[in-house]
């Protein structure tokens, strides 16, 4: 367990410090002080390392978003967008390796994990917004799935332009997503 943890910590550090391309299994092993043959004992390729790190990030992000949506939670669509965007932005800023995996790596296992995460969050948000009367009950779930897809793309642009995420691009993401979801708001809301 200790070696496995050391490998994952080394991968996390390399991704955050040097980027996706630098985080090879060889470099990860060297950073962890573990021979490459031993690294292969725990992970058959870098994609397994990435998938395990992405699962950890997805769990962390899920908890952050869950906290923001819980309790009294959002009372407007603007607050709902903020309740998803703010935790994502904060998490990405605190965990640069997640940016590399989410936007740069995009190996097949990571793509699947991101899609599953987005689908689960879209469903969660759809239910919450419909239950709170912020969206009409006939709002297609596809609308929230598309909002997450657009959000991902805009976050990609924001973090490609700035290591901390370009604030102007994030502000536009808020406007775009809120305006889009407003088209599904009940009359008079």
N, C-alpha and C. Protein backbone atom coordinates (compact mmCIF):
# COMPACT_ATOMS: atom_id res chain seq x y z
N UNK A 1 0.82 -1.20 0.00
CA UNK A 1 0.00 0.00 0.00
C UNK A 1 0.87 1.26 0.00
N UNK A 2 1.97 1.19 0.75
CA UNK A 2 2.83 2.36 0.84
C UNK A 2 3.47 2.69 -0.52
N UNK A 3 3.90 1.67 -1.23
CA UNK A 3 4.51 1.90 -2.55
C UNK A 3 3.47 2.43 -3.53
N UNK A 4 2.31 1.85 -3.49
CA UNK A 4 1.22 2.30 -4.37
C UNK A 4 0.91 3.77 -4.11
N UNK A 5 0.82 4.13 -2.84
CA UNK A 5 0.56 5.52 -2.45
C UNK A 5 1.70 6.43 -2.93
N UNK A 6 2.94 5.97 -2.79
CA UNK A 6 4.09 6.76 -3.23
C UNK A 6 4.05 7.00 -4.74
N UNK A 7 3.65 5.98 -5.48
CA UNK A 7 3.54 6.12 -6.93
C UNK A 7 2.47 7.16 -7.28
N UNK A 8 1.34 7.06 -6.64
CA UNK A 8 0.25 8.01 -6.92
C UNK A 8 0.63 9.44 -6.51
N UNK A 9 1.30 9.57 -5.38
CA UNK A 9 1.74 10.91 -4.94
C UNK A 9 2.76 11.49 -5.90
N UNK A 10 3.66 10.64 -6.40
CA UNK A 10 4.65 11.11 -7.36
C UNK A 10 3.97 11.53 -8.66
N UNK A 11 3.01 10.75 -9.11
CA UNK A 11 2.28 11.11 -10.33
C UNK A 11 1.54 12.42 -10.15
N UNK A 12 0.89 12.56 -9.02
CA UNK A 12 0.17 13.80 -8.71
C UNK A 12 1.10 15.00 -8.75
N UNK A 13 2.26 14.87 -8.13
CA UNK A 13 3.23 15.97 -8.08
C UNK A 13 3.75 16.30 -9.48
N UNK A 14 4.11 15.29 -10.25
CA UNK A 14 4.63 15.53 -11.61
C UNK A 14 3.58 16.17 -12.50
N UNK A 15 2.36 15.69 -12.43
CA UNK A 15 1.30 16.28 -13.23
C UNK A 15 1.11 17.76 -12.90
N UNK A 16 1.10 18.05 -11.60
CA UNK A 16 0.89 19.43 -11.17
C UNK A 16 2.05 20.35 -11.46
N UNK A 17 3.26 19.83 -11.35
CA UNK A 17 4.46 20.67 -11.52
C UNK A 17 4.93 20.77 -12.96
N UNK A 18 4.89 19.64 -13.69
CA UNK A 18 5.52 19.61 -15.01
C UNK A 18 4.56 19.31 -16.15
N UNK A 19 3.33 18.96 -15.84
CA UNK A 19 2.35 18.72 -16.89
C UNK A 19 2.21 17.27 -17.28
N UNK A 20 1.23 17.05 -18.13
CA UNK A 20 0.85 15.70 -18.53
C UNK A 20 1.97 14.93 -19.21
N UNK A 21 2.62 15.55 -20.16
CA UNK A 21 3.64 14.85 -20.94
C UNK A 21 4.82 14.39 -20.08
N UNK A 22 5.11 15.11 -19.02
CA UNK A 22 6.26 14.77 -18.17
C UNK A 22 5.96 13.61 -17.22
N UNK A 23 4.70 13.30 -17.02
CA UNK A 23 4.32 12.29 -16.02
C UNK A 23 4.30 10.89 -16.63
N UNK A 24 5.45 10.45 -17.12
CA UNK A 24 5.58 9.09 -17.65
C UNK A 24 5.77 8.13 -16.48
N UNK A 25 5.56 6.86 -16.72
CA UNK A 25 5.78 5.88 -15.65
C UNK A 25 7.23 5.90 -15.17
N UNK A 26 8.15 6.07 -16.09
CA UNK A 26 9.56 6.12 -15.71
C UNK A 26 9.81 7.31 -14.78
N UNK A 27 9.31 8.48 -15.15
CA UNK A 27 9.49 9.68 -14.32
C UNK A 27 8.78 9.54 -12.98
N UNK A 28 7.62 8.92 -13.00
CA UNK A 28 6.87 8.70 -11.76
C UNK A 28 7.67 7.78 -10.83
N UNK A 29 8.20 6.69 -11.39
CA UNK A 29 9.01 5.77 -10.59
C UNK A 29 10.23 6.46 -10.00
N UNK A 30 10.92 7.26 -10.84
CA UNK A 30 12.10 7.98 -10.35
C UNK A 30 11.71 8.94 -9.23
N UNK A 31 10.62 9.66 -9.41
CA UNK A 31 10.16 10.62 -8.39
C UNK A 31 9.80 9.91 -7.09
N UNK A 32 9.20 8.73 -7.21
CA UNK A 32 8.80 7.96 -6.02
C UNK A 32 9.96 7.18 -5.41
N UNK A 33 11.09 7.09 -6.14
CA UNK A 33 12.22 6.31 -5.67
C UNK A 33 11.96 4.82 -5.77
N UNK A 34 11.19 4.44 -6.77
CA UNK A 34 10.81 3.04 -6.96
C UNK A 34 11.26 2.61 -8.36
N UNK A 35 11.95 1.47 -8.48
CA UNK A 35 12.38 1.00 -9.80
C UNK A 35 11.18 0.82 -10.73
N UNK A 36 11.39 1.11 -12.01
CA UNK A 36 10.30 1.03 -12.99
C UNK A 36 9.66 -0.36 -13.00
N UNK A 37 10.44 -1.41 -12.81
CA UNK A 37 9.88 -2.76 -12.78
C UNK A 37 8.87 -2.90 -11.64
N UNK A 38 9.15 -2.27 -10.52
CA UNK A 38 8.22 -2.32 -9.40
C UNK A 38 6.97 -1.49 -9.67
N UNK A 39 7.14 -0.39 -10.40
CA UNK A 39 5.98 0.43 -10.76
C UNK A 39 5.02 -0.42 -11.58
N UNK A 40 5.57 -1.20 -12.53
CA UNK A 40 4.73 -2.05 -13.37
C UNK A 40 4.04 -3.15 -12.56
N UNK A 41 4.59 -3.49 -11.42
CA UNK A 41 3.94 -4.47 -10.56
C UNK A 41 2.60 -3.93 -10.03
N UNK A 42 2.55 -2.63 -9.79
CA UNK A 42 1.35 -2.00 -9.23
C UNK A 42 0.42 -1.44 -10.30
N UNK A 43 0.99 -0.96 -11.40
CA UNK A 43 0.20 -0.36 -12.48
C UNK A 43 0.77 -0.83 -13.81
N UNK A 44 -0.06 -1.40 -14.66
CA UNK A 44 0.45 -1.93 -15.93
C UNK A 44 0.79 -0.82 -16.93
N UNK A 45 0.19 0.34 -16.77
CA UNK A 45 0.52 1.47 -17.64
C UNK A 45 0.12 2.78 -16.95
N UNK A 46 0.49 3.87 -17.55
CA UNK A 46 0.22 5.18 -16.95
C UNK A 46 -1.26 5.46 -16.87
N UNK A 47 -2.05 4.84 -17.76
CA UNK A 47 -3.48 5.10 -17.77
C UNK A 47 -4.17 4.57 -16.52
N UNK A 48 -3.62 3.50 -15.95
CA UNK A 48 -4.15 3.01 -14.68
C UNK A 48 -3.85 3.99 -13.55
N UNK A 49 -2.68 4.57 -13.58
CA UNK A 49 -2.32 5.58 -12.59
C UNK A 49 -3.26 6.78 -12.74
N UNK A 50 -3.44 7.24 -13.97
CA UNK A 50 -4.31 8.37 -14.23
C UNK A 50 -5.74 8.10 -13.79
N UNK A 51 -6.23 6.90 -14.08
CA UNK A 51 -7.60 6.55 -13.72
C UNK A 51 -7.79 6.56 -12.20
N UNK A 52 -6.81 6.04 -11.49
CA UNK A 52 -6.94 6.03 -10.03
C UNK A 52 -6.88 7.44 -9.47
N UNK A 53 -6.00 8.26 -10.00
CA UNK A 53 -5.95 9.66 -9.56
C UNK A 53 -7.25 10.38 -9.91
N UNK A 54 -7.77 10.13 -11.10
CA UNK A 54 -9.01 10.79 -11.51
C UNK A 54 -10.18 10.37 -10.64
N UNK A 55 -10.20 9.11 -10.23
CA UNK A 55 -11.26 8.66 -9.33
C UNK A 55 -11.19 9.43 -8.01
N UNK A 56 -10.00 9.63 -7.51
CA UNK A 56 -9.83 10.40 -6.28
C UNK A 56 -10.32 11.83 -6.47
N UNK A 57 -9.94 12.43 -7.60
CA UNK A 57 -10.37 13.81 -7.87
C UNK A 57 -11.89 13.88 -8.03
N UNK A 58 -12.46 12.92 -8.71
CA UNK A 58 -13.92 12.92 -8.90
C UNK A 58 -14.63 12.81 -7.55
N UNK A 59 -14.11 12.00 -6.65
CA UNK A 59 -14.71 11.88 -5.32
C UNK A 59 -14.59 13.20 -4.55
N UNK A 60 -13.44 13.84 -4.65
CA UNK A 60 -13.25 15.13 -3.99
C UNK A 60 -14.18 16.19 -4.55
N UNK A 61 -14.29 16.24 -5.87
CA UNK A 61 -15.18 17.20 -6.51
C UNK A 61 -16.64 16.93 -6.18
N UNK A 62 -17.01 15.67 -6.15
CA UNK A 62 -18.38 15.30 -5.80
C UNK A 62 -18.73 15.79 -4.40
N UNK A 63 -17.80 15.63 -3.48
CA UNK A 63 -18.04 16.08 -2.11
C UNK A 63 -18.17 17.60 -2.04
N UNK A 64 -17.32 18.31 -2.77
CA UNK A 64 -17.37 19.79 -2.78
C UNK A 64 -18.68 20.29 -3.36
N UNK A 65 -19.10 19.71 -4.47
CA UNK A 65 -20.35 20.14 -5.10
C UNK A 65 -21.54 19.75 -4.22
N UNK A 66 -21.49 18.55 -3.65
CA UNK A 66 -22.56 18.12 -2.75
C UNK A 66 -22.74 19.06 -1.59
N UNK A 67 -21.64 19.51 -1.03
CA UNK A 67 -21.69 20.46 0.08
C UNK A 67 -22.32 21.78 -0.37
N UNK A 68 -21.91 22.27 -1.55
CA UNK A 68 -22.43 23.55 -2.05
C UNK A 68 -23.92 23.47 -2.39
N UNK A 69 -24.38 22.32 -2.83
CA UNK A 69 -25.79 22.16 -3.19
C UNK A 69 -26.65 21.77 -2.00
N UNK A 70 -26.03 21.30 -0.91
CA UNK A 70 -26.78 20.84 0.25
C UNK A 70 -27.31 21.98 1.09
N UNK A 71 -27.95 21.60 2.19
CA UNK A 71 -28.51 22.60 3.10
C UNK A 71 -29.55 23.43 2.39
N UNK A 72 -29.54 24.72 2.65
CA UNK A 72 -30.53 25.55 1.96
C UNK A 72 -30.28 25.61 0.46
N UNK A 73 -29.02 25.43 0.08
CA UNK A 73 -28.66 25.34 -1.33
C UNK A 73 -29.10 26.53 -2.16
N UNK A 74 -28.98 26.41 -3.47
CA UNK A 74 -29.29 27.53 -4.36
C UNK A 74 -30.78 27.85 -4.41
N UNK A 75 -31.07 29.15 -4.47
CA UNK A 75 -32.46 29.59 -4.56
C UNK A 75 -32.78 30.19 -5.93
N UNK A 76 -31.74 30.37 -6.74
CA UNK A 76 -31.91 30.88 -8.10
C UNK A 76 -31.03 30.06 -9.04
N UNK A 77 -31.28 30.20 -10.33
CA UNK A 77 -30.44 29.50 -11.29
C UNK A 77 -29.02 30.04 -11.27
N UNK A 78 -28.89 31.34 -11.05
CA UNK A 78 -27.55 31.92 -10.93
C UNK A 78 -26.80 31.29 -9.74
N UNK A 79 -27.47 31.17 -8.61
CA UNK A 79 -26.84 30.54 -7.44
C UNK A 79 -26.53 29.08 -7.71
N UNK A 80 -27.38 28.41 -8.48
CA UNK A 80 -27.13 27.00 -8.81
C UNK A 80 -25.88 26.86 -9.68
N UNK A 81 -25.74 27.75 -10.65
CA UNK A 81 -24.53 27.72 -11.48
C UNK A 81 -23.30 27.97 -10.62
N UNK A 82 -23.40 28.96 -9.73
CA UNK A 82 -22.28 29.24 -8.83
C UNK A 82 -21.97 28.05 -7.91
N UNK A 83 -23.01 27.34 -7.48
CA UNK A 83 -22.82 26.21 -6.56
C UNK A 83 -22.09 25.05 -7.22
N UNK A 84 -22.03 25.04 -8.53
CA UNK A 84 -21.25 24.03 -9.24
C UNK A 84 -19.91 24.62 -9.69
N UNK A 85 -19.94 25.80 -10.24
CA UNK A 85 -18.73 26.41 -10.79
C UNK A 85 -17.72 26.74 -9.69
N UNK A 86 -18.16 27.34 -8.60
CA UNK A 86 -17.21 27.74 -7.54
C UNK A 86 -16.44 26.56 -6.95
N UNK A 87 -17.12 25.46 -6.58
CA UNK A 87 -16.33 24.32 -6.07
C UNK A 87 -15.38 23.73 -7.11
N UNK A 88 -15.83 23.64 -8.36
CA UNK A 88 -14.94 23.14 -9.41
C UNK A 88 -13.72 24.03 -9.55
N UNK A 89 -13.95 25.32 -9.64
CA UNK A 89 -12.85 26.27 -9.80
C UNK A 89 -11.88 26.20 -8.63
N UNK A 90 -12.41 26.20 -7.42
CA UNK A 90 -11.55 26.11 -6.24
C UNK A 90 -10.76 24.82 -6.20
N UNK A 91 -11.42 23.72 -6.53
CA UNK A 91 -10.75 22.42 -6.50
C UNK A 91 -9.62 22.38 -7.54
N UNK A 92 -9.92 22.82 -8.76
CA UNK A 92 -8.90 22.81 -9.80
C UNK A 92 -7.72 23.70 -9.42
N UNK A 93 -7.99 24.82 -8.80
CA UNK A 93 -6.91 25.71 -8.39
C UNK A 93 -6.05 25.08 -7.28
N UNK A 94 -6.66 24.31 -6.42
CA UNK A 94 -5.90 23.67 -5.33
C UNK A 94 -5.20 22.39 -5.79
N UNK A 95 -5.66 21.79 -6.87
CA UNK A 95 -5.13 20.50 -7.36
C UNK A 95 -4.78 20.61 -8.83
N UNK A 96 -3.62 21.19 -9.14
CA UNK A 96 -3.24 21.36 -10.55
C UNK A 96 -3.17 20.04 -11.33
N UNK A 97 -2.90 18.95 -10.64
CA UNK A 97 -2.85 17.67 -11.35
C UNK A 97 -4.22 17.31 -11.93
N UNK A 98 -5.29 17.73 -11.25
CA UNK A 98 -6.63 17.43 -11.77
C UNK A 98 -6.88 18.16 -13.09
N UNK A 99 -6.32 19.35 -13.23
CA UNK A 99 -6.45 20.10 -14.48
C UNK A 99 -5.78 19.32 -15.61
N UNK A 100 -4.58 18.82 -15.33
CA UNK A 100 -3.85 18.07 -16.35
C UNK A 100 -4.61 16.82 -16.77
N UNK A 101 -5.17 16.12 -15.81
CA UNK A 101 -5.92 14.91 -16.14
C UNK A 101 -7.23 15.25 -16.84
N UNK A 102 -7.95 16.21 -16.31
CA UNK A 102 -9.28 16.54 -16.80
C UNK A 102 -9.24 17.08 -18.22
N UNK A 103 -8.25 17.94 -18.50
CA UNK A 103 -8.24 18.64 -19.77
C UNK A 103 -7.12 18.23 -20.72
N UNK A 104 -5.96 17.84 -20.21
CA UNK A 104 -4.82 17.53 -21.08
C UNK A 104 -4.68 16.05 -21.37
N UNK A 105 -4.79 15.22 -20.36
CA UNK A 105 -4.54 13.79 -20.51
C UNK A 105 -5.54 13.12 -21.42
N UNK A 106 -6.74 13.10 -21.01
CA UNK A 106 -7.84 12.56 -21.77
C UNK A 106 -7.61 11.17 -22.35
N UNK A 107 -6.96 10.32 -21.56
CA UNK A 107 -6.86 8.92 -21.96
C UNK A 107 -8.26 8.32 -21.87
N UNK A 108 -8.48 7.20 -22.54
CA UNK A 108 -9.81 6.59 -22.57
C UNK A 108 -10.38 6.37 -21.16
N UNK A 109 -9.61 5.81 -20.21
CA UNK A 109 -10.18 5.64 -18.88
C UNK A 109 -10.56 6.97 -18.21
N UNK A 110 -9.76 8.00 -18.42
CA UNK A 110 -10.06 9.31 -17.83
C UNK A 110 -11.29 9.91 -18.49
N UNK A 111 -11.39 9.79 -19.80
CA UNK A 111 -12.56 10.30 -20.52
C UNK A 111 -13.83 9.66 -19.96
N UNK A 112 -13.79 8.37 -19.75
CA UNK A 112 -14.97 7.67 -19.21
C UNK A 112 -15.30 8.15 -17.80
N UNK A 113 -14.29 8.35 -16.98
CA UNK A 113 -14.53 8.84 -15.62
C UNK A 113 -15.11 10.26 -15.63
N UNK A 114 -14.61 11.12 -16.50
CA UNK A 114 -15.13 12.49 -16.60
C UNK A 114 -16.57 12.45 -17.09
N UNK A 115 -16.85 11.63 -18.07
CA UNK A 115 -18.23 11.52 -18.58
C UNK A 115 -19.18 11.01 -17.50
N UNK A 116 -18.76 10.01 -16.77
CA UNK A 116 -19.59 9.48 -15.69
C UNK A 116 -19.80 10.52 -14.60
N UNK A 117 -18.75 11.26 -14.27
CA UNK A 117 -18.87 12.32 -13.27
C UNK A 117 -19.86 13.37 -13.74
N UNK A 118 -19.70 13.84 -14.97
CA UNK A 118 -20.60 14.86 -15.50
C UNK A 118 -22.04 14.37 -15.54
N UNK A 119 -22.24 13.13 -15.96
CA UNK A 119 -23.60 12.59 -16.03
C UNK A 119 -24.23 12.54 -14.64
N UNK A 120 -23.47 12.11 -13.65
CA UNK A 120 -23.99 12.03 -12.28
C UNK A 120 -24.30 13.42 -11.73
N UNK A 121 -23.41 14.39 -12.00
CA UNK A 121 -23.64 15.75 -11.51
C UNK A 121 -24.82 16.40 -12.23
N UNK A 122 -24.94 16.15 -13.52
CA UNK A 122 -26.07 16.70 -14.28
C UNK A 122 -27.38 16.16 -13.74
N UNK A 123 -27.42 14.87 -13.46
CA UNK A 123 -28.63 14.26 -12.89
C UNK A 123 -28.92 14.84 -11.51
N UNK A 124 -27.91 14.96 -10.69
CA UNK A 124 -28.07 15.54 -9.35
C UNK A 124 -28.65 16.95 -9.44
N UNK A 125 -28.07 17.76 -10.31
CA UNK A 125 -28.51 19.15 -10.44
C UNK A 125 -29.91 19.23 -11.04
N UNK A 126 -30.20 18.39 -12.03
CA UNK A 126 -31.55 18.37 -12.62
C UNK A 126 -32.59 18.10 -11.54
N UNK A 127 -32.35 17.07 -10.74
CA UNK A 127 -33.32 16.72 -9.68
C UNK A 127 -33.50 17.89 -8.70
N UNK A 128 -32.41 18.46 -8.27
CA UNK A 128 -32.46 19.55 -7.30
C UNK A 128 -33.22 20.75 -7.86
N UNK A 129 -32.91 21.13 -9.09
CA UNK A 129 -33.53 22.32 -9.68
C UNK A 129 -35.01 22.11 -9.96
N UNK A 130 -35.38 20.90 -10.37
CA UNK A 130 -36.79 20.59 -10.58
C UNK A 130 -37.53 20.56 -9.25
N UNK A 131 -36.94 19.90 -8.24
CA UNK A 131 -37.57 19.83 -6.91
C UNK A 131 -37.78 21.21 -6.29
N UNK A 132 -36.85 22.11 -6.53
CA UNK A 132 -36.95 23.47 -5.96
C UNK A 132 -37.75 24.43 -6.84
N UNK A 133 -38.26 23.93 -7.93
CA UNK A 133 -39.09 24.76 -8.81
C UNK A 133 -38.30 25.76 -9.63
N UNK A 134 -37.00 25.56 -9.75
CA UNK A 134 -36.17 26.47 -10.54
C UNK A 134 -36.15 26.08 -12.02
N UNK A 135 -36.47 24.83 -12.31
CA UNK A 135 -36.64 24.35 -13.68
C UNK A 135 -38.00 23.69 -13.79
N UNK A 136 -38.59 23.78 -14.98
CA UNK A 136 -39.87 23.09 -15.22
C UNK A 136 -39.65 21.58 -15.14
N UNK A 137 -40.64 20.84 -14.66
CA UNK A 137 -40.49 19.37 -14.57
C UNK A 137 -40.25 18.70 -15.92
N UNK A 138 -40.68 19.33 -17.01
CA UNK A 138 -40.48 18.73 -18.33
C UNK A 138 -39.12 19.09 -18.94
N UNK A 139 -38.26 19.73 -18.15
CA UNK A 139 -36.91 20.06 -18.63
C UNK A 139 -36.17 18.77 -18.96
N UNK A 140 -35.69 18.64 -20.18
CA UNK A 140 -34.96 17.39 -20.49
C UNK A 140 -33.65 17.31 -19.72
N UNK A 141 -33.33 16.14 -19.30
CA UNK A 141 -32.06 15.92 -18.61
C UNK A 141 -30.89 16.31 -19.52
N UNK A 142 -31.11 16.18 -20.82
CA UNK A 142 -30.09 16.55 -21.79
C UNK A 142 -29.65 18.00 -21.60
N UNK A 143 -30.55 18.87 -21.19
CA UNK A 143 -30.20 20.28 -20.99
C UNK A 143 -29.09 20.41 -19.95
N UNK A 144 -29.19 19.67 -18.85
CA UNK A 144 -28.15 19.73 -17.82
C UNK A 144 -26.88 19.04 -18.28
N UNK A 145 -27.02 17.96 -19.04
CA UNK A 145 -25.84 17.29 -19.57
C UNK A 145 -25.07 18.23 -20.50
N UNK A 146 -25.80 18.96 -21.33
CA UNK A 146 -25.15 19.91 -22.23
C UNK A 146 -24.51 21.06 -21.45
N UNK A 147 -25.17 21.51 -20.39
CA UNK A 147 -24.59 22.57 -19.56
C UNK A 147 -23.25 22.12 -18.99
N UNK A 148 -23.16 20.87 -18.57
CA UNK A 148 -21.88 20.36 -18.05
C UNK A 148 -20.85 20.24 -19.16
N UNK A 149 -21.25 19.80 -20.34
CA UNK A 149 -20.31 19.70 -21.46
C UNK A 149 -19.77 21.08 -21.84
N UNK A 150 -20.65 22.06 -21.92
CA UNK A 150 -20.22 23.42 -22.25
C UNK A 150 -19.32 23.95 -21.13
N UNK A 151 -19.71 23.69 -19.89
CA UNK A 151 -18.88 24.12 -18.76
C UNK A 151 -17.48 23.52 -18.82
N UNK A 152 -17.39 22.24 -19.14
CA UNK A 152 -16.08 21.59 -19.27
C UNK A 152 -15.24 22.28 -20.33
N UNK A 153 -15.85 22.56 -21.45
CA UNK A 153 -15.11 23.19 -22.54
C UNK A 153 -14.61 24.58 -22.14
N UNK A 154 -15.47 25.34 -21.47
CA UNK A 154 -15.08 26.68 -21.05
C UNK A 154 -14.00 26.64 -19.96
N UNK A 155 -14.09 25.68 -19.05
CA UNK A 155 -13.03 25.51 -18.05
C UNK A 155 -11.72 25.14 -18.73
N UNK A 156 -11.79 24.30 -19.75
CA UNK A 156 -10.58 23.94 -20.51
C UNK A 156 -9.94 25.20 -21.09
N UNK A 157 -10.74 26.05 -21.69
CA UNK A 157 -10.24 27.31 -22.25
C UNK A 157 -9.66 28.19 -21.14
N UNK A 158 -10.36 28.29 -20.03
CA UNK A 158 -9.91 29.14 -18.92
C UNK A 158 -8.57 28.68 -18.37
N UNK A 159 -8.39 27.38 -18.21
CA UNK A 159 -7.14 26.87 -17.63
C UNK A 159 -6.03 26.75 -18.67
N UNK A 160 -6.36 26.72 -19.93
CA UNK A 160 -5.33 26.75 -20.95
C UNK A 160 -4.72 28.15 -21.02
N UNK A 161 -5.55 29.16 -20.75
CA UNK A 161 -5.08 30.54 -20.80
C UNK A 161 -4.37 30.99 -19.55
N UNK A 162 -4.61 30.30 -18.43
CA UNK A 162 -4.03 30.71 -17.16
C UNK A 162 -3.97 29.51 -16.23
N UNK A 163 -2.86 29.34 -15.53
CA UNK A 163 -2.72 28.21 -14.60
C UNK A 163 -3.76 28.27 -13.49
N UNK A 164 -4.24 29.46 -13.17
CA UNK A 164 -5.24 29.62 -12.12
C UNK A 164 -6.66 29.68 -12.69
N UNK A 165 -6.79 29.58 -13.98
CA UNK A 165 -8.10 29.68 -14.61
C UNK A 165 -8.44 31.14 -14.86
N UNK A 166 -8.55 31.52 -16.10
CA UNK A 166 -8.83 32.90 -16.48
C UNK A 166 -10.21 33.33 -15.95
N UNK A 167 -10.21 34.33 -15.08
CA UNK A 167 -11.45 34.78 -14.44
C UNK A 167 -12.48 35.30 -15.44
N UNK A 168 -12.03 35.95 -16.50
CA UNK A 168 -12.97 36.48 -17.50
C UNK A 168 -13.70 35.32 -18.20
N UNK A 169 -12.99 34.27 -18.51
CA UNK A 169 -13.61 33.11 -19.16
C UNK A 169 -14.58 32.43 -18.20
N UNK A 170 -14.20 32.32 -16.93
CA UNK A 170 -15.09 31.72 -15.93
C UNK A 170 -16.35 32.56 -15.78
N UNK A 171 -16.21 33.88 -15.79
CA UNK A 171 -17.38 34.77 -15.69
C UNK A 171 -18.32 34.56 -16.88
N UNK A 172 -17.74 34.40 -18.05
CA UNK A 172 -18.57 34.15 -19.24
C UNK A 172 -19.24 32.78 -19.15
N UNK A 173 -18.56 31.80 -18.58
CA UNK A 173 -19.17 30.48 -18.39
C UNK A 173 -20.40 30.60 -17.49
N UNK A 174 -20.28 31.36 -16.43
CA UNK A 174 -21.43 31.58 -15.53
C UNK A 174 -22.61 32.19 -16.30
N UNK A 175 -22.31 33.22 -17.07
CA UNK A 175 -23.37 33.91 -17.82
C UNK A 175 -24.03 32.97 -18.83
N UNK A 176 -23.21 32.25 -19.57
CA UNK A 176 -23.72 31.38 -20.61
C UNK A 176 -24.59 30.27 -20.02
N UNK A 177 -24.09 29.61 -19.00
CA UNK A 177 -24.83 28.48 -18.41
C UNK A 177 -26.11 28.96 -17.75
N UNK A 178 -26.03 30.07 -17.02
CA UNK A 178 -27.23 30.60 -16.37
C UNK A 178 -28.27 31.02 -17.40
N UNK A 179 -27.84 31.71 -18.46
CA UNK A 179 -28.78 32.14 -19.50
C UNK A 179 -29.43 30.92 -20.18
N UNK A 180 -28.66 29.91 -20.43
CA UNK A 180 -29.19 28.71 -21.07
C UNK A 180 -30.23 28.04 -20.16
N UNK A 181 -29.88 27.83 -18.91
CA UNK A 181 -30.82 27.17 -17.99
C UNK A 181 -32.08 27.99 -17.77
N UNK A 182 -31.96 29.32 -17.86
CA UNK A 182 -33.12 30.19 -17.66
C UNK A 182 -34.19 29.90 -18.73
N UNK A 183 -33.80 29.40 -19.88
CA UNK A 183 -34.79 29.09 -20.91
C UNK A 183 -35.70 27.94 -20.48
N UNK A 184 -35.33 27.23 -19.44
CA UNK A 184 -36.15 26.13 -18.91
C UNK A 184 -36.82 26.50 -17.58
N UNK A 185 -36.69 27.73 -17.15
CA UNK A 185 -37.30 28.16 -15.89
C UNK A 185 -38.80 28.25 -16.05
N UNK A 186 -39.53 27.98 -14.97
CA UNK A 186 -40.99 28.15 -15.03
C UNK A 186 -41.34 29.60 -15.33
N UNK A 187 -42.49 29.83 -15.95
CA UNK A 187 -42.93 31.19 -16.21
C UNK A 187 -43.01 31.98 -14.91
N UNK A 188 -42.47 33.17 -14.94
CA UNK A 188 -42.53 34.03 -13.76
C UNK A 188 -41.43 33.77 -12.76
N UNK A 189 -40.55 32.80 -13.01
CA UNK A 189 -39.47 32.52 -12.04
C UNK A 189 -38.26 33.37 -12.31
